[in-house]
Amino acid sequence: MSLARALPKNRTGDKSAYHHGDLSDALLVEAKRLVNKYGVENISLRQVAVNVGVSPSAAYHHFPDKESLLKAAAKSAFEDMADFQERALQDLNGISALAVRRRFRALGQSYVGFAKKNPHLFRLAFGPYCAGEDMNREESRPWQMLLAVLQELDEIGDIHPGMRAYAEILIWSTIHGTANLILDGLLPVETVDPVIQSLELALKSAGKVAK
């Protein structure tokens, strides 16, 4: 679900104006809006329902409690991040080595960019509400995008064979850590590009000269 998706216009409390799936989506959109504005600790299912324009009892038909709403919102926020990254990549076409490297850099930049633009949603997407068996990150779009661009880097000779086995974990953990340190005010946002450049050099390690 895109962050740009408009909220339903119903504010009258008439839940009959919603189709079955619409109310669930509307509650998710409003929950994410409130989380991103106030933080996950400062919202309630009742307030989300009131803001959407339905009774709390109507909301309970879709989400029995705040935890279930936030679990759904966390998954949705994770998809929002994937949408954000895909938009960053959509104009970076081409099969040249330069195009591949640009996609790699854009993937890392957009990851941190989403976190910077939506700090509370980013925390929600990786917090306890999005943990456990319901979320297989290795099947997620961000993970698949990372796999794809690393495969491309490997094909152009930008990954040393000794670095390939755990390249995904190295990249994700480094970029994720950088994003969190920036959100915590411990690193300036300008750190992102040097970090990505360092990762590129690390992937070409074992004495291979960077191109």
N, C-alpha and C. Protein backbone atom coordinates (compact mmCIF):
# COMPACT_ATOMS: atom_id res chain seq x y z
N MET A 1 0.83 -1.18 0.00
CA MET A 1 0.00 0.00 0.00
C MET A 1 0.88 1.24 0.00
N SER A 2 0.63 2.18 -0.90
CA SER A 2 1.47 3.36 -1.00
C SER A 2 1.13 4.38 0.05
N LEU A 3 2.15 5.09 0.55
CA LEU A 3 1.92 6.17 1.48
C LEU A 3 1.10 7.28 0.85
N ALA A 4 1.12 7.36 -0.49
CA ALA A 4 0.39 8.41 -1.17
C ALA A 4 -1.09 8.11 -1.32
N ARG A 5 -1.50 6.94 -0.91
CA ARG A 5 -2.90 6.56 -1.05
C ARG A 5 -3.78 7.46 -0.21
N ALA A 6 -4.83 7.99 -0.80
CA ALA A 6 -5.67 8.97 -0.10
C ALA A 6 -6.53 8.29 0.94
N LEU A 7 -6.79 8.99 2.03
CA LEU A 7 -7.72 8.50 3.03
C LEU A 7 -9.14 8.56 2.49
N PRO A 8 -10.02 7.65 2.88
CA PRO A 8 -11.41 7.72 2.49
C PRO A 8 -12.03 9.01 2.97
N LYS A 9 -13.01 9.49 2.22
CA LYS A 9 -13.64 10.77 2.54
C LYS A 9 -14.68 10.65 3.63
N ASN A 10 -15.10 9.44 3.98
CA ASN A 10 -16.12 9.26 5.00
C ASN A 10 -15.64 9.71 6.36
N ARG A 11 -16.27 10.75 6.93
CA ARG A 11 -15.95 11.23 8.28
C ARG A 11 -17.21 11.36 9.11
N THR A 12 -18.29 10.70 8.70
CA THR A 12 -19.58 10.90 9.34
C THR A 12 -19.89 9.86 10.39
N GLY A 13 -19.07 8.83 10.50
CA GLY A 13 -19.38 7.75 11.42
C GLY A 13 -20.28 6.70 10.80
N ASP A 14 -20.64 6.86 9.52
CA ASP A 14 -21.50 5.91 8.84
C ASP A 14 -20.65 4.82 8.22
N LYS A 15 -20.45 3.74 8.95
CA LYS A 15 -19.56 2.69 8.47
C LYS A 15 -20.11 1.98 7.24
N SER A 16 -21.42 2.17 6.94
CA SER A 16 -21.97 1.54 5.76
C SER A 16 -21.40 2.12 4.48
N ALA A 17 -20.74 3.30 4.57
CA ALA A 17 -20.13 3.92 3.39
C ALA A 17 -18.89 3.17 2.94
N TYR A 18 -18.38 2.28 3.76
CA TYR A 18 -17.18 1.51 3.43
C TYR A 18 -17.56 0.14 2.91
N HIS A 19 -16.83 -0.31 1.89
CA HIS A 19 -16.86 -1.72 1.56
C HIS A 19 -16.03 -2.45 2.60
N HIS A 20 -16.14 -3.76 2.62
CA HIS A 20 -15.49 -4.54 3.69
C HIS A 20 -13.99 -4.27 3.74
N GLY A 21 -13.33 -4.31 2.60
CA GLY A 21 -11.89 -4.11 2.60
C GLY A 21 -11.47 -2.67 2.77
N ASP A 22 -12.35 -1.73 2.41
CA ASP A 22 -11.99 -0.32 2.48
C ASP A 22 -11.73 0.15 3.90
N LEU A 23 -12.54 -0.30 4.85
CA LEU A 23 -12.37 0.15 6.22
C LEU A 23 -11.04 -0.36 6.79
N SER A 24 -10.72 -1.58 6.50
CA SER A 24 -9.44 -2.12 6.96
C SER A 24 -8.28 -1.29 6.41
N ASP A 25 -8.34 -0.98 5.11
CA ASP A 25 -7.29 -0.16 4.50
C ASP A 25 -7.25 1.24 5.10
N ALA A 26 -8.43 1.81 5.32
CA ALA A 26 -8.49 3.16 5.87
C ALA A 26 -7.89 3.22 7.28
N LEU A 27 -8.17 2.20 8.07
CA LEU A 27 -7.61 2.14 9.41
C LEU A 27 -6.09 2.01 9.37
N LEU A 28 -5.59 1.22 8.43
CA LEU A 28 -4.14 1.07 8.29
C LEU A 28 -3.48 2.38 7.87
N VAL A 29 -4.08 3.06 6.90
CA VAL A 29 -3.52 4.32 6.43
C VAL A 29 -3.48 5.34 7.57
N GLU A 30 -4.56 5.43 8.31
CA GLU A 30 -4.60 6.40 9.41
C GLU A 30 -3.66 6.00 10.54
N ALA A 31 -3.56 4.71 10.81
CA ALA A 31 -2.63 4.26 11.85
C ALA A 31 -1.20 4.63 11.48
N LYS A 32 -0.83 4.43 10.22
CA LYS A 32 0.52 4.77 9.79
C LYS A 32 0.75 6.28 9.84
N ARG A 33 -0.28 7.04 9.49
CA ARG A 33 -0.14 8.50 9.55
C ARG A 33 0.11 8.96 10.98
N LEU A 34 -0.65 8.41 11.91
CA LEU A 34 -0.48 8.79 13.31
C LEU A 34 0.86 8.31 13.87
N VAL A 35 1.25 7.10 13.51
CA VAL A 35 2.55 6.60 13.96
C VAL A 35 3.67 7.50 13.45
N ASN A 36 3.60 7.86 12.18
CA ASN A 36 4.68 8.67 11.61
C ASN A 36 4.73 10.06 12.20
N LYS A 37 3.58 10.54 12.69
CA LYS A 37 3.53 11.89 13.27
C LYS A 37 3.87 11.90 14.75
N TYR A 38 3.39 10.88 15.47
CA TYR A 38 3.49 10.92 16.93
C TYR A 38 4.32 9.79 17.55
N GLY A 39 4.64 8.76 16.76
CA GLY A 39 5.33 7.62 17.32
C GLY A 39 4.37 6.53 17.73
N VAL A 40 4.85 5.30 17.73
CA VAL A 40 3.99 4.15 17.95
C VAL A 40 3.40 4.13 19.36
N GLU A 41 4.08 4.76 20.32
CA GLU A 41 3.61 4.72 21.71
C GLU A 41 2.40 5.61 21.93
N ASN A 42 2.13 6.51 21.01
CA ASN A 42 1.15 7.57 21.27
C ASN A 42 -0.12 7.46 20.45
N ILE A 43 -0.44 6.26 19.97
CA ILE A 43 -1.68 6.09 19.23
C ILE A 43 -2.52 5.00 19.88
N SER A 44 -3.80 5.02 19.61
CA SER A 44 -4.71 3.99 20.10
C SER A 44 -5.65 3.59 18.97
N LEU A 45 -6.15 2.39 19.03
CA LEU A 45 -7.10 1.92 18.04
C LEU A 45 -8.36 2.78 18.05
N ARG A 46 -8.77 3.21 19.23
CA ARG A 46 -9.95 4.06 19.35
C ARG A 46 -9.75 5.38 18.61
N GLN A 47 -8.58 5.99 18.78
CA GLN A 47 -8.32 7.26 18.12
C GLN A 47 -8.26 7.09 16.60
N VAL A 48 -7.66 6.00 16.14
CA VAL A 48 -7.61 5.73 14.72
C VAL A 48 -9.02 5.61 14.15
N ALA A 49 -9.89 4.89 14.85
CA ALA A 49 -11.27 4.71 14.40
C ALA A 49 -12.00 6.06 14.33
N VAL A 50 -11.85 6.86 15.37
CA VAL A 50 -12.50 8.17 15.41
C VAL A 50 -12.03 9.04 14.25
N ASN A 51 -10.74 9.03 14.00
CA ASN A 51 -10.19 9.86 12.92
C ASN A 51 -10.71 9.43 11.55
N VAL A 52 -10.90 8.13 11.37
CA VAL A 52 -11.42 7.63 10.10
C VAL A 52 -12.91 7.92 9.97
N GLY A 53 -13.59 8.03 11.09
CA GLY A 53 -15.00 8.37 11.07
C GLY A 53 -15.92 7.20 11.33
N VAL A 54 -15.43 6.20 12.06
CA VAL A 54 -16.26 5.06 12.41
C VAL A 54 -16.18 4.84 13.92
N SER A 55 -17.07 4.02 14.42
CA SER A 55 -17.05 3.72 15.84
C SER A 55 -15.92 2.75 16.16
N PRO A 56 -15.40 2.79 17.38
CA PRO A 56 -14.38 1.80 17.76
C PRO A 56 -14.84 0.37 17.56
N SER A 57 -16.12 0.10 17.80
CA SER A 57 -16.61 -1.27 17.62
C SER A 57 -16.50 -1.72 16.18
N ALA A 58 -16.67 -0.77 15.24
CA ALA A 58 -16.51 -1.12 13.82
C ALA A 58 -15.06 -1.49 13.53
N ALA A 59 -14.14 -0.75 14.13
CA ALA A 59 -12.71 -1.04 13.93
C ALA A 59 -12.33 -2.39 14.52
N TYR A 60 -12.98 -2.76 15.64
CA TYR A 60 -12.64 -4.02 16.30
C TYR A 60 -12.99 -5.23 15.44
N HIS A 61 -13.91 -5.06 14.49
CA HIS A 61 -14.23 -6.17 13.59
C HIS A 61 -13.03 -6.53 12.71
N HIS A 62 -12.17 -5.55 12.46
CA HIS A 62 -11.01 -5.76 11.60
C HIS A 62 -9.73 -5.99 12.41
N PHE A 63 -9.61 -5.27 13.52
CA PHE A 63 -8.42 -5.36 14.37
C PHE A 63 -8.90 -5.43 15.82
N PRO A 64 -8.79 -6.58 16.44
CA PRO A 64 -9.34 -6.74 17.79
C PRO A 64 -8.65 -5.90 18.85
N ASP A 65 -7.42 -5.45 18.59
CA ASP A 65 -6.71 -4.64 19.57
C ASP A 65 -5.63 -3.83 18.87
N LYS A 66 -4.98 -2.96 19.62
CA LYS A 66 -3.94 -2.09 19.07
C LYS A 66 -2.79 -2.91 18.50
N GLU A 67 -2.43 -3.99 19.17
CA GLU A 67 -1.29 -4.79 18.72
C GLU A 67 -1.53 -5.36 17.33
N SER A 68 -2.74 -5.87 17.07
CA SER A 68 -3.03 -6.44 15.76
C SER A 68 -3.02 -5.36 14.68
N LEU A 69 -3.50 -4.16 15.02
CA LEU A 69 -3.46 -3.05 14.08
C LEU A 69 -2.01 -2.67 13.76
N LEU A 70 -1.17 -2.59 14.78
CA LEU A 70 0.21 -2.19 14.57
C LEU A 70 1.02 -3.27 13.83
N LYS A 71 0.68 -4.52 14.04
CA LYS A 71 1.34 -5.58 13.27
C LYS A 71 1.04 -5.43 11.78
N ALA A 72 -0.22 -5.16 11.47
CA ALA A 72 -0.60 -4.95 10.08
C ALA A 72 0.03 -3.68 9.53
N ALA A 73 0.09 -2.63 10.34
CA ALA A 73 0.69 -1.38 9.91
C ALA A 73 2.19 -1.54 9.68
N ALA A 74 2.84 -2.35 10.50
CA ALA A 74 4.28 -2.59 10.33
C ALA A 74 4.56 -3.28 9.01
N LYS A 75 3.78 -4.30 8.67
CA LYS A 75 3.95 -4.97 7.39
C LYS A 75 3.70 -4.01 6.23
N SER A 76 2.68 -3.18 6.39
CA SER A 76 2.36 -2.21 5.35
C SER A 76 3.47 -1.18 5.21
N ALA A 77 4.05 -0.75 6.32
CA ALA A 77 5.16 0.21 6.28
C ALA A 77 6.36 -0.40 5.58
N PHE A 78 6.60 -1.68 5.78
CA PHE A 78 7.70 -2.37 5.11
C PHE A 78 7.47 -2.37 3.60
N GLU A 79 6.21 -2.56 3.19
CA GLU A 79 5.88 -2.50 1.76
C GLU A 79 6.05 -1.08 1.23
N ASP A 80 5.71 -0.09 2.05
CA ASP A 80 5.91 1.30 1.65
C ASP A 80 7.39 1.58 1.36
N MET A 81 8.26 1.02 2.20
CA MET A 81 9.69 1.20 1.98
C MET A 81 10.11 0.55 0.66
N ALA A 82 9.56 -0.62 0.36
CA ALA A 82 9.87 -1.28 -0.91
C ALA A 82 9.40 -0.43 -2.09
N ASP A 83 8.21 0.16 -1.97
CA ASP A 83 7.72 1.05 -3.02
C ASP A 83 8.67 2.23 -3.21
N PHE A 84 9.13 2.79 -2.11
CA PHE A 84 10.04 3.93 -2.14
C PHE A 84 11.33 3.56 -2.87
N GLN A 85 11.85 2.39 -2.58
CA GLN A 85 13.08 1.94 -3.23
C GLN A 85 12.86 1.66 -4.71
N GLU A 86 11.74 1.07 -5.04
CA GLU A 86 11.46 0.78 -6.44
C GLU A 86 11.35 2.06 -7.26
N ARG A 87 10.75 3.09 -6.67
CA ARG A 87 10.66 4.37 -7.38
C ARG A 87 12.05 4.96 -7.62
N ALA A 88 12.96 4.75 -6.67
CA ALA A 88 14.32 5.27 -6.82
C ALA A 88 15.07 4.55 -7.93
N LEU A 89 14.68 3.32 -8.22
CA LEU A 89 15.38 2.52 -9.23
C LEU A 89 14.74 2.60 -10.61
N GLN A 90 13.51 3.09 -10.69
CA GLN A 90 12.73 2.91 -11.91
C GLN A 90 13.33 3.59 -13.15
N ASP A 91 14.09 4.66 -12.96
CA ASP A 91 14.68 5.35 -14.11
C ASP A 91 16.15 5.00 -14.33
N LEU A 92 16.66 4.08 -13.54
CA LEU A 92 18.08 3.72 -13.64
C LEU A 92 18.22 2.43 -14.44
N ASN A 93 17.92 2.54 -15.71
CA ASN A 93 17.97 1.37 -16.58
C ASN A 93 19.36 1.23 -17.20
N GLY A 94 19.52 0.21 -17.98
CA GLY A 94 20.79 -0.01 -18.66
C GLY A 94 21.52 -1.22 -18.12
N ILE A 95 22.43 -1.74 -18.94
CA ILE A 95 23.17 -2.95 -18.57
C ILE A 95 24.65 -2.67 -18.41
N SER A 96 25.05 -1.42 -18.55
CA SER A 96 26.47 -1.09 -18.40
C SER A 96 26.90 -1.22 -16.95
N ALA A 97 28.21 -1.31 -16.75
CA ALA A 97 28.74 -1.38 -15.39
C ALA A 97 28.35 -0.13 -14.60
N LEU A 98 28.36 1.03 -15.27
CA LEU A 98 27.99 2.27 -14.60
C LEU A 98 26.54 2.24 -14.14
N ALA A 99 25.65 1.71 -14.98
CA ALA A 99 24.23 1.63 -14.62
C ALA A 99 24.02 0.70 -13.43
N VAL A 100 24.74 -0.40 -13.42
CA VAL A 100 24.63 -1.36 -12.30
C VAL A 100 25.08 -0.70 -11.00
N ARG A 101 26.20 0.00 -11.05
CA ARG A 101 26.71 0.67 -9.85
C ARG A 101 25.76 1.75 -9.37
N ARG A 102 25.14 2.45 -10.30
CA ARG A 102 24.16 3.47 -9.91
C ARG A 102 22.96 2.85 -9.21
N ARG A 103 22.53 1.69 -9.68
CA ARG A 103 21.41 1.02 -9.02
C ARG A 103 21.78 0.58 -7.61
N PHE A 104 23.00 0.08 -7.46
CA PHE A 104 23.46 -0.31 -6.13
C PHE A 104 23.45 0.88 -5.18
N ARG A 105 23.98 2.00 -5.64
CA ARG A 105 24.04 3.20 -4.79
C ARG A 105 22.65 3.72 -4.49
N ALA A 106 21.77 3.71 -5.50
CA ALA A 106 20.41 4.21 -5.30
C ALA A 106 19.64 3.35 -4.31
N LEU A 107 19.91 2.04 -4.31
CA LEU A 107 19.23 1.15 -3.38
C LEU A 107 19.59 1.52 -1.94
N GLY A 108 20.88 1.74 -1.67
CA GLY A 108 21.28 2.14 -0.33
C GLY A 108 20.80 3.52 0.04
N GLN A 109 20.89 4.46 -0.89
CA GLN A 109 20.45 5.83 -0.63
C GLN A 109 18.95 5.89 -0.35
N SER A 110 18.17 5.13 -1.10
CA SER A 110 16.72 5.16 -0.90
C SER A 110 16.31 4.48 0.40
N TYR A 111 17.07 3.48 0.83
CA TYR A 111 16.80 2.82 2.11
C TYR A 111 16.92 3.84 3.25
N VAL A 112 18.04 4.56 3.24
CA VAL A 112 18.24 5.58 4.26
C VAL A 112 17.28 6.75 4.03
N GLY A 113 17.00 7.05 2.77
CA GLY A 113 16.08 8.15 2.47
C GLY A 113 14.69 7.90 3.02
N PHE A 114 14.21 6.67 2.91
CA PHE A 114 12.90 6.34 3.49
C PHE A 114 12.93 6.50 5.00
N ALA A 115 13.99 6.03 5.63
CA ALA A 115 14.11 6.14 7.09
C ALA A 115 14.12 7.61 7.52
N LYS A 116 14.85 8.43 6.79
CA LYS A 116 14.95 9.84 7.14
C LYS A 116 13.62 10.56 6.96
N LYS A 117 12.90 10.21 5.91
CA LYS A 117 11.61 10.85 5.62
C LYS A 117 10.50 10.34 6.53
N ASN A 118 10.60 9.07 6.93
CA ASN A 118 9.52 8.43 7.71
C ASN A 118 10.13 7.71 8.91
N PRO A 119 10.73 8.44 9.85
CA PRO A 119 11.50 7.77 10.91
C PRO A 119 10.67 6.82 11.77
N HIS A 120 9.46 7.23 12.13
CA HIS A 120 8.65 6.35 13.00
C HIS A 120 8.14 5.13 12.24
N LEU A 121 7.81 5.31 10.97
CA LEU A 121 7.39 4.16 10.17
C LEU A 121 8.54 3.19 9.96
N PHE A 122 9.73 3.73 9.77
CA PHE A 122 10.92 2.88 9.63
C PHE A 122 11.13 2.06 10.90
N ARG A 123 11.03 2.71 12.05
CA ARG A 123 11.17 1.98 13.32
C ARG A 123 10.09 0.93 13.45
N LEU A 124 8.86 1.28 13.06
CA LEU A 124 7.76 0.33 13.14
C LEU A 124 8.00 -0.89 12.25
N ALA A 125 8.50 -0.63 11.03
CA ALA A 125 8.70 -1.72 10.07
C ALA A 125 9.73 -2.73 10.54
N PHE A 126 10.66 -2.31 11.40
CA PHE A 126 11.71 -3.22 11.87
C PHE A 126 11.61 -3.50 13.37
N GLY A 127 10.52 -3.09 13.97
CA GLY A 127 10.37 -3.27 15.40
C GLY A 127 9.67 -4.57 15.75
N PRO A 128 9.27 -4.72 17.00
CA PRO A 128 8.69 -5.98 17.48
C PRO A 128 7.35 -6.31 16.84
N TYR A 129 6.64 -5.30 16.30
CA TYR A 129 5.35 -5.60 15.68
C TYR A 129 5.50 -6.26 14.32
N CYS A 130 6.70 -6.26 13.78
CA CYS A 130 6.94 -6.88 12.47
C CYS A 130 7.96 -8.00 12.59
N ALA A 131 7.93 -8.70 13.69
CA ALA A 131 8.88 -9.79 13.92
C ALA A 131 8.13 -11.13 13.93
N GLY A 132 8.91 -12.19 13.83
CA GLY A 132 8.33 -13.52 13.97
C GLY A 132 8.01 -14.18 12.65
N GLU A 133 7.22 -15.23 12.71
CA GLU A 133 6.96 -16.08 11.56
C GLU A 133 6.17 -15.38 10.46
N ASP A 134 5.42 -14.32 10.82
CA ASP A 134 4.57 -13.67 9.82
C ASP A 134 5.37 -12.85 8.82
N MET A 135 6.64 -12.59 9.10
CA MET A 135 7.43 -11.72 8.23
C MET A 135 8.72 -12.43 7.84
N ASN A 136 8.76 -12.94 6.63
CA ASN A 136 9.97 -13.57 6.11
C ASN A 136 10.70 -12.55 5.24
N ARG A 137 11.70 -11.90 5.83
CA ARG A 137 12.37 -10.82 5.11
C ARG A 137 13.13 -11.32 3.89
N GLU A 138 13.53 -12.59 3.89
CA GLU A 138 14.26 -13.11 2.75
C GLU A 138 13.36 -13.28 1.53
N GLU A 139 12.05 -13.20 1.72
CA GLU A 139 11.13 -13.24 0.59
C GLU A 139 10.58 -11.85 0.28
N SER A 140 11.04 -10.85 1.00
CA SER A 140 10.52 -9.49 0.83
C SER A 140 11.09 -8.82 -0.41
N ARG A 141 10.41 -7.79 -0.87
CA ARG A 141 10.88 -7.04 -2.04
C ARG A 141 12.21 -6.35 -1.80
N PRO A 142 12.43 -5.69 -0.65
CA PRO A 142 13.76 -5.08 -0.44
C PRO A 142 14.89 -6.11 -0.51
N TRP A 143 14.67 -7.27 0.06
CA TRP A 143 15.70 -8.31 0.01
C TRP A 143 15.91 -8.79 -1.42
N GLN A 144 14.83 -8.97 -2.17
CA GLN A 144 14.95 -9.42 -3.54
C GLN A 144 15.63 -8.38 -4.43
N MET A 145 15.36 -7.11 -4.17
CA MET A 145 16.05 -6.06 -4.92
C MET A 145 17.55 -6.08 -4.63
N LEU A 146 17.89 -6.30 -3.36
CA LEU A 146 19.30 -6.38 -3.00
C LEU A 146 19.97 -7.57 -3.67
N LEU A 147 19.30 -8.73 -3.66
CA LEU A 147 19.84 -9.91 -4.33
C LEU A 147 20.09 -9.63 -5.81
N ALA A 148 19.14 -8.97 -6.44
CA ALA A 148 19.24 -8.71 -7.88
C ALA A 148 20.42 -7.81 -8.21
N VAL A 149 20.59 -6.73 -7.44
CA VAL A 149 21.67 -5.80 -7.75
C VAL A 149 23.03 -6.40 -7.41
N LEU A 150 23.10 -7.23 -6.38
CA LEU A 150 24.36 -7.91 -6.08
C LEU A 150 24.71 -8.92 -7.15
N GLN A 151 23.71 -9.57 -7.70
CA GLN A 151 23.95 -10.49 -8.82
C GLN A 151 24.53 -9.73 -10.01
N GLU A 152 23.99 -8.54 -10.25
CA GLU A 152 24.50 -7.71 -11.34
C GLU A 152 25.93 -7.28 -11.07
N LEU A 153 26.21 -6.87 -9.84
CA LEU A 153 27.58 -6.48 -9.50
C LEU A 153 28.55 -7.66 -9.67
N ASP A 154 28.08 -8.83 -9.30
CA ASP A 154 28.91 -10.02 -9.45
C ASP A 154 29.21 -10.28 -10.93
N GLU A 155 28.22 -10.09 -11.77
CA GLU A 155 28.37 -10.37 -13.19
C GLU A 155 29.34 -9.40 -13.88
N ILE A 156 29.47 -8.18 -13.35
CA ILE A 156 30.41 -7.23 -13.95
C ILE A 156 31.78 -7.28 -13.26
N GLY A 157 31.93 -8.22 -12.33
CA GLY A 157 33.23 -8.42 -11.69
C GLY A 157 33.51 -7.49 -10.53
N ASP A 158 32.46 -6.92 -9.93
CA ASP A 158 32.65 -5.98 -8.83
C ASP A 158 32.60 -6.63 -7.45
N ILE A 159 32.46 -7.94 -7.40
CA ILE A 159 32.45 -8.64 -6.11
C ILE A 159 33.53 -9.72 -6.14
N HIS A 160 34.45 -9.62 -5.21
CA HIS A 160 35.49 -10.65 -5.10
C HIS A 160 34.82 -11.96 -4.66
N PRO A 161 35.25 -13.10 -5.24
CA PRO A 161 34.62 -14.38 -4.88
C PRO A 161 34.58 -14.65 -3.38
N GLY A 162 35.59 -14.20 -2.67
CA GLY A 162 35.62 -14.43 -1.23
C GLY A 162 34.61 -13.60 -0.46
N MET A 163 34.03 -12.59 -1.11
CA MET A 163 33.06 -11.72 -0.44
C MET A 163 31.62 -12.08 -0.79
N ARG A 164 31.41 -12.93 -1.78
CA ARG A 164 30.06 -13.13 -2.30
C ARG A 164 29.12 -13.83 -1.33
N ALA A 165 29.61 -14.78 -0.57
CA ALA A 165 28.72 -15.63 0.22
C ALA A 165 27.85 -14.86 1.20
N TYR A 166 28.41 -13.82 1.83
CA TYR A 166 27.65 -13.09 2.84
C TYR A 166 27.49 -11.62 2.48
N ALA A 167 27.55 -11.33 1.18
CA ALA A 167 27.46 -9.94 0.74
C ALA A 167 26.12 -9.31 1.12
N GLU A 168 25.03 -10.07 1.00
CA GLU A 168 23.71 -9.53 1.33
C GLU A 168 23.64 -9.07 2.79
N ILE A 169 24.16 -9.92 3.69
CA ILE A 169 24.13 -9.59 5.11
C ILE A 169 25.02 -8.39 5.41
N LEU A 170 26.20 -8.34 4.78
CA LEU A 170 27.10 -7.20 4.96
C LEU A 170 26.43 -5.90 4.54
N ILE A 171 25.82 -5.91 3.36
CA ILE A 171 25.21 -4.68 2.83
C ILE A 171 24.02 -4.27 3.69
N TRP A 172 23.10 -5.21 3.94
CA TRP A 172 21.88 -4.84 4.67
C TRP A 172 22.22 -4.35 6.08
N SER A 173 23.06 -5.07 6.79
CA SER A 173 23.37 -4.68 8.17
C SER A 173 24.08 -3.34 8.22
N THR A 174 24.94 -3.07 7.24
CA THR A 174 25.66 -1.80 7.24
C THR A 174 24.73 -0.63 6.93
N ILE A 175 23.92 -0.78 5.90
CA ILE A 175 23.00 0.31 5.53
C ILE A 175 21.93 0.50 6.60
N HIS A 176 21.43 -0.60 7.16
CA HIS A 176 20.42 -0.48 8.21
C HIS A 176 21.02 0.19 9.45
N GLY A 177 22.22 -0.20 9.81
CA GLY A 177 22.89 0.43 10.95
C GLY A 177 23.14 1.91 10.71
N THR A 178 23.55 2.24 9.49
CA THR A 178 23.77 3.65 9.15
C THR A 178 22.48 4.44 9.28
N ALA A 179 21.38 3.89 8.77
CA ALA A 179 20.08 4.57 8.86
C ALA A 179 19.71 4.83 10.32
N ASN A 180 19.89 3.83 11.18
CA ASN A 180 19.53 4.00 12.58
C ASN A 180 20.43 5.02 13.28
N LEU A 181 21.71 5.01 12.97
CA LEU A 181 22.63 5.98 13.57
C LEU A 181 22.30 7.40 13.13
N ILE A 182 21.87 7.56 11.89
CA ILE A 182 21.44 8.88 11.42
C ILE A 182 20.18 9.32 12.14
N LEU A 183 19.21 8.41 12.28
CA LEU A 183 17.98 8.76 12.99
C LEU A 183 18.24 9.10 14.45
N ASP A 184 19.24 8.47 15.04
CA ASP A 184 19.58 8.74 16.44
C ASP A 184 20.44 9.99 16.61
N GLY A 185 20.78 10.62 15.49
CA GLY A 185 21.59 11.83 15.55
C GLY A 185 23.06 11.57 15.80
N LEU A 186 23.50 10.33 15.60
CA LEU A 186 24.89 9.96 15.87
C LEU A 186 25.77 10.03 14.63
N LEU A 187 25.14 10.13 13.47
CA LEU A 187 25.86 10.32 12.22
C LEU A 187 25.12 11.37 11.39
N PRO A 188 25.83 12.19 10.63
CA PRO A 188 25.15 13.11 9.72
C PRO A 188 24.65 12.36 8.49
N VAL A 189 23.61 12.86 7.86
CA VAL A 189 23.05 12.19 6.69
C VAL A 189 24.06 12.12 5.56
N GLU A 190 25.02 13.05 5.55
CA GLU A 190 26.05 13.05 4.50
C GLU A 190 26.96 11.82 4.56
N THR A 191 26.83 11.05 5.63
CA THR A 191 27.64 9.83 5.78
C THR A 191 27.25 8.75 4.78
N VAL A 192 26.03 8.81 4.27
CA VAL A 192 25.49 7.71 3.47
C VAL A 192 26.37 7.39 2.27
N ASP A 193 26.71 8.40 1.49
CA ASP A 193 27.49 8.14 0.27
C ASP A 193 28.87 7.55 0.57
N PRO A 194 29.63 8.11 1.53
CA PRO A 194 30.91 7.47 1.86
C PRO A 194 30.76 6.03 2.36
N VAL A 195 29.69 5.74 3.09
CA VAL A 195 29.46 4.37 3.55
C VAL A 195 29.24 3.45 2.35
N ILE A 196 28.42 3.90 1.40
CA ILE A 196 28.16 3.09 0.21
C ILE A 196 29.44 2.88 -0.59
N GLN A 197 30.23 3.93 -0.72
CA GLN A 197 31.51 3.79 -1.42
C GLN A 197 32.43 2.79 -0.71
N SER A 198 32.43 2.82 0.61
CA SER A 198 33.24 1.87 1.37
C SER A 198 32.76 0.44 1.16
N LEU A 199 31.45 0.26 1.06
CA LEU A 199 30.91 -1.07 0.79
C LEU A 199 31.33 -1.56 -0.59
N GLU A 200 31.32 -0.66 -1.56
CA GLU A 200 31.76 -1.04 -2.90
C GLU A 200 33.21 -1.52 -2.87
N LEU A 201 34.05 -0.81 -2.14
CA LEU A 201 35.45 -1.21 -2.03
C LEU A 201 35.60 -2.53 -1.29
N ALA A 202 34.78 -2.70 -0.24
CA ALA A 202 34.84 -3.94 0.53
C ALA A 202 34.47 -5.15 -0.33
N LEU A 203 33.46 -4.97 -1.19
CA LEU A 203 33.05 -6.07 -2.05
C LEU A 203 34.14 -6.46 -3.04
N LYS A 204 34.99 -5.50 -3.37
CA LYS A 204 36.09 -5.78 -4.31
C LYS A 204 37.39 -6.11 -3.57
N SER A 205 37.29 -6.53 -2.36
CA SER A 205 38.46 -6.68 -1.48
C SER A 205 39.44 -7.74 -1.97
N ALA A 206 40.37 -8.09 -1.08
CA ALA A 206 41.44 -9.06 -1.36
C ALA A 206 42.39 -8.54 -2.42
N GLY A 207 42.67 -7.23 -2.33
CA GLY A 207 43.70 -6.64 -3.16
C GLY A 207 43.25 -6.24 -4.54
N LYS A 208 41.97 -6.44 -4.85
CA LYS A 208 41.47 -6.05 -6.16
C LYS A 208 41.29 -4.54 -6.21
N VAL A 209 41.84 -3.88 -7.17
CA VAL A 209 41.79 -2.43 -7.25
C VAL A 209 40.42 -1.98 -7.70
N ALA A 210 39.86 -0.98 -7.01
CA ALA A 210 38.53 -0.46 -7.37
C ALA A 210 38.57 0.20 -8.74
N LYS A 211 37.50 -0.01 -9.48
CA LYS A 211 37.42 0.57 -10.81
C LYS A 211 36.89 2.00 -10.73
